[in-house]
Amino acid sequence: MAGKFELYEDKGGKWRFRLKAGNGETIASGQAYASKASALNGIDSVRRNAADAEVVETED
């Protein structure tokens, strides 16, 4: 089963998304957006940029 993006409106009226793995586990979540269109743009950005994103180890 493939992963999926879930788009939803939170209790505060902001739009959010989460990326779920094929097993249903949430593996990423987006920030709060004022509009549904902005949240969809956030999803599109993840789709375009994540595949080639570099892995960088940091010390926090």
PDB file of N, CA and C in Angstrom:
ATOM      1  N   MET A   1       0.842  -1.185   0.000  1.00  0.00           N
ATOM      2  CA  MET A   1       0.000   0.000   0.000  1.00  0.00           C
ATOM      3  C   MET A   1       0.888   1.249   0.000  1.00  0.00           C
ATOM      4  N   ALA A   2       0.564   2.199  -0.830  1.00  0.00           N
ATOM      5  CA  ALA A   2       1.336   3.431  -0.950  1.00  0.00           C
ATOM      6  C   ALA A   2       0.971   4.407   0.161  1.00  0.00           C
ATOM      7  N   GLY A   3       1.861   5.349   0.397  1.00  0.00           N
ATOM      8  CA  GLY A   3       1.581   6.409   1.359  1.00  0.00           C
ATOM      9  C   GLY A   3       0.537   7.367   0.814  1.00  0.00           C
ATOM     10  N   LYS A   4       0.099   8.277   1.677  1.00  0.00           N
ATOM     11  CA  LYS A   4      -0.897   9.261   1.244  1.00  0.00           C
ATOM     12  C   LYS A   4      -0.763  10.530   2.069  1.00  0.00           C
ATOM     13  N   PHE A   5      -1.166  11.641   1.468  1.00  0.00           N
ATOM     14  CA  PHE A   5      -1.279  12.904   2.172  1.00  0.00           C
ATOM     15  C   PHE A   5      -2.715  13.045   2.653  1.00  0.00           C
ATOM     16  N   GLU A   6      -2.882  13.438   3.891  1.00  0.00           N
ATOM     17  CA  GLU A   6      -4.202  13.753   4.426  1.00  0.00           C
ATOM     18  C   GLU A   6      -4.274  15.255   4.636  1.00  0.00           C
ATOM     19  N   LEU A   7      -5.276  15.881   4.081  1.00  0.00           N
ATOM     20  CA  LEU A   7      -5.502  17.321   4.180  1.00  0.00           C
ATOM     21  C   LEU A   7      -6.707  17.530   5.080  1.00  0.00           C
ATOM     22  N   TYR A   8      -6.567  18.417   6.072  1.00  0.00           N
ATOM     23  CA  TYR A   8      -7.686  18.617   7.002  1.00  0.00           C
ATOM     24  C   TYR A   8      -7.666  20.018   7.597  1.00  0.00           C
ATOM     25  N   GLU A   9      -8.808  20.434   8.104  1.00  0.00           N
ATOM     26  CA  GLU A   9      -8.951  21.712   8.794  1.00  0.00           C
ATOM     27  C   GLU A   9      -8.926  21.428  10.292  1.00  0.00           C
ATOM     28  N   ASP A  10      -8.040  22.111  11.013  1.00  0.00           N
ATOM     29  CA  ASP A  10      -7.925  21.859  12.447  1.00  0.00           C
ATOM     30  C   ASP A  10      -9.005  22.601  13.232  1.00  0.00           C
ATOM     31  N   LYS A  11      -9.032  22.412  14.539  1.00  0.00           N
ATOM     32  CA  LYS A  11     -10.059  23.023  15.392  1.00  0.00           C
ATOM     33  C   LYS A  11     -10.028  24.540  15.364  1.00  0.00           C
ATOM     34  N   GLY A  12      -8.863  25.109  15.056  1.00  0.00           N
ATOM     35  CA  GLY A  12      -8.718  26.562  14.998  1.00  0.00           C
ATOM     36  C   GLY A  12      -9.039  27.155  13.638  1.00  0.00           C
ATOM     37  N   GLY A  13      -9.474  26.320  12.699  1.00  0.00           N
ATOM     38  CA  GLY A  13      -9.833  26.799  11.367  1.00  0.00           C
ATOM     39  C   GLY A  13      -8.668  26.907  10.405  1.00  0.00           C
ATOM     40  N   LYS A  14      -7.508  26.414  10.784  1.00  0.00           N
ATOM     41  CA  LYS A  14      -6.334  26.421   9.909  1.00  0.00           C
ATOM     42  C   LYS A  14      -6.261  25.098   9.145  1.00  0.00           C
ATOM     43  N   TRP A  15      -5.637  25.147   7.977  1.00  0.00           N
ATOM     44  CA  TRP A  15      -5.482  23.953   7.145  1.00  0.00           C
ATOM     45  C   TRP A  15      -4.125  23.314   7.399  1.00  0.00           C
ATOM     46  N   ARG A  16      -4.100  21.999   7.490  1.00  0.00           N
ATOM     47  CA  ARG A  16      -2.885  21.241   7.758  1.00  0.00           C
ATOM     48  C   ARG A  16      -2.863  19.998   6.872  1.00  0.00           C
ATOM     49  N   PHE A  17      -1.683  19.406   6.786  1.00  0.00           N
ATOM     50  CA  PHE A  17      -1.586  18.111   6.123  1.00  0.00           C
ATOM     51  C   PHE A  17      -0.631  17.229   6.900  1.00  0.00           C
ATOM     52  N   ARG A  18      -0.808  15.948   6.709  1.00  0.00           N
ATOM     53  CA  ARG A  18       0.128  14.967   7.247  1.00  0.00           C
ATOM     54  C   ARG A  18       0.370  13.933   6.166  1.00  0.00           C
ATOM     55  N   LEU A  19       1.576  13.391   6.172  1.00  0.00           N
ATOM     56  CA  LEU A  19       1.953  12.347   5.231  1.00  0.00           C
ATOM     57  C   LEU A  19       1.966  11.040   6.003  1.00  0.00           C
ATOM     58  N   LYS A  20       1.216  10.077   5.517  1.00  0.00           N
ATOM     59  CA  LYS A  20       1.138   8.783   6.185  1.00  0.00           C
ATOM     60  C   LYS A  20       1.782   7.714   5.309  1.00  0.00           C
ATOM     61  N   ALA A  21       2.524   6.825   5.954  1.00  0.00           N
ATOM     62  CA  ALA A  21       3.141   5.692   5.274  1.00  0.00           C
ATOM     63  C   ALA A  21       2.061   4.678   4.912  1.00  0.00           C
ATOM     64  N   GLY A  22       2.429   3.701   4.123  1.00  0.00           N
ATOM     65  CA  GLY A  22       1.496   2.663   3.710  1.00  0.00           C
ATOM     66  C   GLY A  22       0.884   1.899   4.866  1.00  0.00           C
ATOM     67  N   ASN A  23       1.609   1.844   6.003  1.00  0.00           N
ATOM     68  CA  ASN A  23       1.073   1.144   7.176  1.00  0.00           C
ATOM     69  C   ASN A  23       0.191   2.035   8.046  1.00  0.00           C
ATOM     70  N   GLY A  24      -0.051   3.282   7.620  1.00  0.00           N
ATOM     71  CA  GLY A  24      -0.920   4.195   8.351  1.00  0.00           C
ATOM     72  C   GLY A  24      -0.217   5.086   9.352  1.00  0.00           C
ATOM     73  N   GLU A  25       1.087   4.890   9.540  1.00  0.00           N
ATOM     74  CA  GLU A  25       1.844   5.699  10.500  1.00  0.00           C
ATOM     75  C   GLU A  25       2.133   7.079   9.918  1.00  0.00           C
ATOM     76  N   THR A  26       1.935   8.122  10.728  1.00  0.00           N
ATOM     77  CA  THR A  26       2.267   9.479  10.303  1.00  0.00           C
ATOM     78  C   THR A  26       3.781   9.625  10.285  1.00  0.00           C
ATOM     79  N   ILE A  27       4.316  10.043   9.137  1.00  0.00           N
ATOM     80  CA  ILE A  27       5.761  10.195   9.018  1.00  0.00           C
ATOM     81  C   ILE A  27       6.185  11.644   8.814  1.00  0.00           C
ATOM     82  N   ALA A  28       5.245  12.524   8.535  1.00  0.00           N
ATOM     83  CA  ALA A  28       5.537  13.956   8.417  1.00  0.00           C
ATOM     84  C   ALA A  28       4.245  14.735   8.570  1.00  0.00           C
ATOM     85  N   SER A  29       4.369  15.960   9.055  1.00  0.00           N
ATOM     86  CA  SER A  29       3.193  16.825   9.142  1.00  0.00           C
ATOM     87  C   SER A  29       3.593  18.248   8.794  1.00  0.00           C
ATOM     88  N   GLY A  30       2.661  18.958   8.210  1.00  0.00           N
ATOM     89  CA  GLY A  30       2.917  20.326   7.786  1.00  0.00           C
ATOM     90  C   GLY A  30       2.494  21.329   8.840  1.00  0.00           C
ATOM     91  N   GLN A  31       2.896  22.547   8.619  1.00  0.00           N
ATOM     92  CA  GLN A  31       2.525  23.645   9.505  1.00  0.00           C
ATOM     93  C   GLN A  31       1.061  24.008   9.289  1.00  0.00           C
ATOM     94  N   ALA A  32       0.569  24.962  10.057  1.00  0.00           N
ATOM     95  CA  ALA A  32      -0.796  25.455   9.883  1.00  0.00           C
ATOM     96  C   ALA A  32      -0.810  26.500   8.770  1.00  0.00           C
ATOM     97  N   TYR A  33      -1.762  26.388   7.868  1.00  0.00           N
ATOM     98  CA  TYR A  33      -1.913  27.318   6.759  1.00  0.00           C
ATOM     99  C   TYR A  33      -3.251  28.024   6.876  1.00  0.00           C
ATOM    100  N   ALA A  34      -3.290  29.273   6.452  1.00  0.00           N
ATOM    101  CA  ALA A  34      -4.524  30.058   6.526  1.00  0.00           C
ATOM    102  C   ALA A  34      -5.566  29.599   5.517  1.00  0.00           C
ATOM    103  N   SER A  35      -5.119  29.022   4.400  1.00  0.00           N
ATOM    104  CA  SER A  35      -6.068  28.606   3.369  1.00  0.00           C
ATOM    105  C   SER A  35      -5.775  27.187   2.896  1.00  0.00           C
ATOM    106  N   LYS A  36      -6.790  26.571   2.361  1.00  0.00           N
ATOM    107  CA  LYS A  36      -6.653  25.232   1.801  1.00  0.00           C
ATOM    108  C   LYS A  36      -5.663  25.249   0.636  1.00  0.00           C
ATOM    109  N   ALA A  37      -5.728  26.280  -0.192  1.00  0.00           N
ATOM    110  CA  ALA A  37      -4.823  26.391  -1.336  1.00  0.00           C
ATOM    111  C   ALA A  37      -3.364  26.436  -0.880  1.00  0.00           C
ATOM    112  N   SER A  38      -3.094  27.137   0.204  1.00  0.00           N
ATOM    113  CA  SER A  38      -1.727  27.210   0.722  1.00  0.00           C
ATOM    114  C   SER A  38      -1.258  25.855   1.232  1.00  0.00           C
ATOM    115  N   ALA A  39      -2.145  25.126   1.874  1.00  0.00           N
ATOM    116  CA  ALA A  39      -1.793  23.779   2.347  1.00  0.00           C
ATOM    117  C   ALA A  39      -1.510  22.856   1.167  1.00  0.00           C
ATOM    118  N   LEU A  40      -2.292  22.967   0.114  1.00  0.00           N
ATOM    119  CA  LEU A  40      -2.053  22.166  -1.089  1.00  0.00           C
ATOM    120  C   LEU A  40      -0.711  22.535  -1.727  1.00  0.00           C
ATOM    121  N   ASN A  41      -0.348  23.813  -1.682  1.00  0.00           N
ATOM    122  CA  ASN A  41       0.967  24.234  -2.171  1.00  0.00           C
ATOM    123  C   ASN A  41       2.073  23.621  -1.321  1.00  0.00           C
ATOM    124  N   GLY A  42       1.857  23.517  -0.006  1.00  0.00           N
ATOM    125  CA  GLY A  42       2.820  22.875   0.879  1.00  0.00           C
ATOM    126  C   GLY A  42       3.016  21.415   0.517  1.00  0.00           C
ATOM    127  N   ILE A  43       1.933  20.718   0.243  1.00  0.00           N
ATOM    128  CA  ILE A  43       2.007  19.318  -0.184  1.00  0.00           C
ATOM    129  C   ILE A  43       2.788  19.216  -1.489  1.00  0.00           C
ATOM    130  N   ASP A  44       2.499  20.097  -2.426  1.00  0.00           N
ATOM    131  CA  ASP A  44       3.198  20.084  -3.709  1.00  0.00           C
ATOM    132  C   ASP A  44       4.693  20.314  -3.517  1.00  0.00           C
ATOM    133  N   SER A  45       5.047  21.207  -2.608  1.00  0.00           N
ATOM    134  CA  SER A  45       6.454  21.482  -2.331  1.00  0.00           C
ATOM    135  C   SER A  45       7.167  20.246  -1.778  1.00  0.00           C
ATOM    136  N   VAL A  46       6.520  19.544  -0.883  1.00  0.00           N
ATOM    137  CA  VAL A  46       7.111  18.316  -0.339  1.00  0.00           C
ATOM    138  C   VAL A  46       7.303  17.300  -1.463  1.00  0.00           C
ATOM    139  N   ARG A  47       6.311  17.152  -2.298  1.00  0.00           N
ATOM    140  CA  ARG A  47       6.407  16.201  -3.419  1.00  0.00           C
ATOM    141  C   ARG A  47       7.575  16.530  -4.346  1.00  0.00           C
ATOM    142  N   ARG A  48       7.753  17.815  -4.644  1.00  0.00           N
ATOM    143  CA  ARG A  48       8.803  18.225  -5.577  1.00  0.00           C
ATOM    144  C   ARG A  48      10.195  18.168  -4.968  1.00  0.00           C
ATOM    145  N   ASN A  49      10.328  18.494  -3.698  1.00  0.00           N
ATOM    146  CA  ASN A  49      11.644  18.670  -3.101  1.00  0.00           C
ATOM    147  C   ASN A  49      12.165  17.488  -2.294  1.00  0.00           C
ATOM    148  N   ALA A  50      11.299  16.656  -1.775  1.00  0.00           N
ATOM    149  CA  ALA A  50      11.744  15.600  -0.868  1.00  0.00           C
ATOM    150  C   ALA A  50      12.534  14.495  -1.561  1.00  0.00           C
ATOM    151  N   ALA A  51      12.198  14.170  -2.774  1.00  0.00           N
ATOM    152  CA  ALA A  51      12.846  13.046  -3.449  1.00  0.00           C
ATOM    153  C   ALA A  51      14.352  13.240  -3.606  1.00  0.00           C
ATOM    154  N   ASP A  52      14.783  14.463  -3.818  1.00  0.00           N
ATOM    155  CA  ASP A  52      16.200  14.749  -4.029  1.00  0.00           C
ATOM    156  C   ASP A  52      16.841  15.445  -2.838  1.00  0.00           C
ATOM    157  N   ALA A  53      16.134  15.510  -1.726  1.00  0.00           N
ATOM    158  CA  ALA A  53      16.667  16.217  -0.557  1.00  0.00           C
ATOM    159  C   ALA A  53      17.874  15.481   0.018  1.00  0.00           C
ATOM    160  N   GLU A  54      18.867  16.263   0.392  1.00  0.00           N
ATOM    161  CA  GLU A  54      20.082  15.737   0.998  1.00  0.00           C
ATOM    162  C   GLU A  54      19.815  15.403   2.456  1.00  0.00           C
ATOM    163  N   VAL A  55      20.455  14.357   2.956  1.00  0.00           N
ATOM    164  CA  VAL A  55      20.374  14.005   4.380  1.00  0.00           C
ATOM    165  C   VAL A  55      21.588  14.611   5.058  1.00  0.00           C
ATOM    166  N   VAL A  56      21.335  15.460   6.062  1.00  0.00           N
ATOM    167  CA  VAL A  56      22.406  16.133   6.776  1.00  0.00           C
ATOM    168  C   VAL A  56      22.259  15.825   8.258  1.00  0.00           C
ATOM    169  N   GLU A  57      23.300  15.290   8.857  1.00  0.00           N
ATOM    170  CA  GLU A  57      23.278  14.998  10.296  1.00  0.00           C
ATOM    171  C   GLU A  57      23.697  16.255  11.053  1.00  0.00           C
ATOM    172  N   THR A  58      22.909  16.615  12.061  1.00  0.00           N
ATOM    173  CA  THR A  58      23.220  17.792  12.868  1.00  0.00           C
ATOM    174  C   THR A  58      23.296  17.412  14.333  1.00  0.00           C
ATOM    175  N   GLU A  59      23.921  18.267  15.091  1.00  0.00           N
ATOM    176  CA  GLU A  59      23.957  18.088  16.539  1.00  0.00           C
ATOM    177  C   GLU A  59      23.058  19.134  17.159  1.00  0.00           C
ATOM    178  N   ASP A  60      22.057  18.702  17.884  1.00  0.00           N
ATOM    179  CA  ASP A  60      21.126  19.641  18.529  1.00  0.00           C
ATOM    180  C   ASP A  60      21.386  19.738  19.998  1.00  0.00           C
TER     181      ASP A  60
END
